[in-house]
């Protein structure tokens, strides 16, 4: 499985329909804190390829990023990690709290 980039609302809604539980990352290409968080995410996906995970680049997918924030009433942050389960956000964290360990704990 690994990780898959999602860029449109349509792609995201397909994931939401097809996956009961998955991790989603909002990543900023210009922020050093986001780079560190994405590195942690990449370590997580390398070791836990069985956990479905998806990501977006905020600069390339602003419409989708805003859609997720509005639809699920989760304040937009970047970087941000979200755990979706049963079509709802069950857990979220941001910035330096995005670590391989926090993603492992959320994904269980």
Protein backbone atom coordinates (compact mmCIF):
# COMPACT_ATOMS: atom_id res chain seq x y z
CA UNK A 1 0.00 0.00 0.00
CA UNK A 2 2.46 2.65 1.15
CA UNK A 3 1.56 6.25 0.54
CA UNK A 4 -0.39 7.86 -2.27
CA UNK A 5 -0.55 11.51 -3.30
CA UNK A 6 -4.06 12.95 -3.60
CA UNK A 7 -4.67 16.24 -5.37
CA UNK A 8 -8.40 16.67 -6.01
CA UNK A 9 -11.61 16.57 -4.00
CA UNK A 10 -12.84 13.78 -6.28
CA UNK A 11 -9.75 11.64 -5.56
CA UNK A 12 -10.11 12.27 -1.84
CA UNK A 13 -13.81 11.32 -1.86
CA UNK A 14 -12.91 8.05 -3.64
CA UNK A 15 -10.41 7.27 -0.88
CA UNK A 16 -13.05 8.10 1.74
CA UNK A 17 -15.47 5.67 0.03
CA UNK A 18 -12.95 2.87 -0.47
CA UNK A 19 -10.94 2.97 2.79
CA UNK A 20 -12.51 2.50 6.20
CA UNK A 21 -9.38 3.67 8.02
CA UNK A 22 -6.43 5.70 6.72
CA UNK A 23 -3.91 8.36 7.64
CA UNK A 24 -3.82 11.63 5.72
CA UNK A 25 -0.98 14.17 5.76
CA UNK A 26 -1.09 17.83 4.73
CA UNK A 27 2.45 18.84 3.79
CA UNK A 28 3.83 22.30 3.02
CA UNK A 29 6.69 22.32 0.53
CA UNK A 30 8.14 25.54 1.97
CA UNK A 31 8.11 24.90 5.72
CA UNK A 32 11.09 23.30 7.51
CA UNK A 33 8.84 21.97 10.30
CA UNK A 34 6.66 20.35 7.65
CA UNK A 35 9.76 18.82 6.03
CA UNK A 36 10.72 17.25 9.38
CA UNK A 37 7.15 15.96 9.87
CA UNK A 38 7.08 14.52 6.33
CA UNK A 39 10.39 12.76 7.01
CA UNK A 40 8.76 11.15 10.07
CA UNK A 41 5.77 10.20 7.92
CA UNK A 42 8.07 8.61 5.32
CA UNK A 43 9.77 6.56 8.05
CA UNK A 44 6.33 5.48 9.24
CA UNK A 45 5.19 4.40 5.74
CA UNK A 46 8.47 2.56 5.12
CA UNK A 47 7.92 0.43 8.24
CA UNK A 48 4.10 0.23 8.17
CA UNK A 49 3.22 -0.21 4.52
CA UNK A 50 0.11 -2.13 5.55
CA UNK A 51 -1.51 1.05 6.89
CA UNK A 52 -3.22 2.97 4.07
CA UNK A 53 -1.94 6.53 3.93
CA UNK A 54 -2.39 9.50 1.66
CA UNK A 55 -0.93 12.97 1.46
CA UNK A 56 -1.25 16.30 -0.30
CA UNK A 57 1.07 19.20 -0.95
CA UNK A 58 -0.75 22.28 0.35
CA UNK A 59 0.71 24.49 -2.40
CA UNK A 60 -0.61 22.16 -5.12
CA UNK A 61 -3.95 21.20 -3.58
CA UNK A 62 -5.29 24.27 -1.73
CA UNK A 63 -8.88 23.52 -2.78
CA UNK A 64 -8.70 19.99 -1.37
CA UNK A 65 -6.93 21.15 1.78
CA UNK A 66 -9.66 23.74 2.44
CA UNK A 67 -12.38 21.20 1.59
CA UNK A 68 -11.07 18.79 4.24
CA UNK A 69 -10.86 21.57 6.86
CA UNK A 70 -14.41 22.79 6.14
CA UNK A 71 -16.10 19.41 5.63
CA UNK A 72 -14.67 17.81 8.76
CA UNK A 73 -14.55 21.02 10.82
CA UNK A 74 -10.86 20.61 11.57
CA UNK A 75 -8.83 23.81 11.71
CA UNK A 76 -6.34 23.80 8.82
CA UNK A 77 -2.73 23.45 9.89
CA UNK A 78 0.35 22.65 7.93
CA UNK A 79 1.87 20.20 8.50
CA UNK A 80 -1.10 18.22 9.75
CA UNK A 81 -1.81 14.53 10.24
CA UNK A 82 -5.37 13.17 10.29
CA UNK A 83 -6.70 9.71 10.99
CA UNK A 84 -9.95 8.97 9.17
CA UNK A 85 -12.09 6.07 10.29
CA UNK A 86 -15.62 5.31 9.13
CA UNK A 87 -15.73 8.55 7.13
CA UNK A 88 -14.87 10.76 10.12
CA UNK A 89 -11.72 12.31 11.56
CA UNK A 90 -10.89 10.27 14.68
CA UNK A 91 -7.53 11.90 15.47
CA UNK A 92 -5.45 14.82 14.33
CA UNK A 93 -2.19 16.48 15.23
CA UNK A 94 0.17 18.99 13.71
CA UNK A 95 3.66 20.39 13.49
CA UNK A 96 6.28 18.76 15.73
CA UNK A 97 3.70 16.32 17.15
CA UNK A 98 3.78 14.46 13.83
CA UNK A 99 6.27 11.72 14.58
CA UNK A 100 6.69 8.15 13.44
CA UNK A 101 5.57 7.08 16.94
CA UNK A 102 2.41 9.23 16.95
CA UNK A 103 1.46 7.88 13.51
CA UNK A 104 2.04 4.28 14.65
CA UNK A 105 -0.17 4.85 17.69
CA UNK A 106 -2.91 6.46 15.57
CA UNK A 107 -2.79 3.76 12.92
CA UNK A 108 -3.35 0.85 15.34
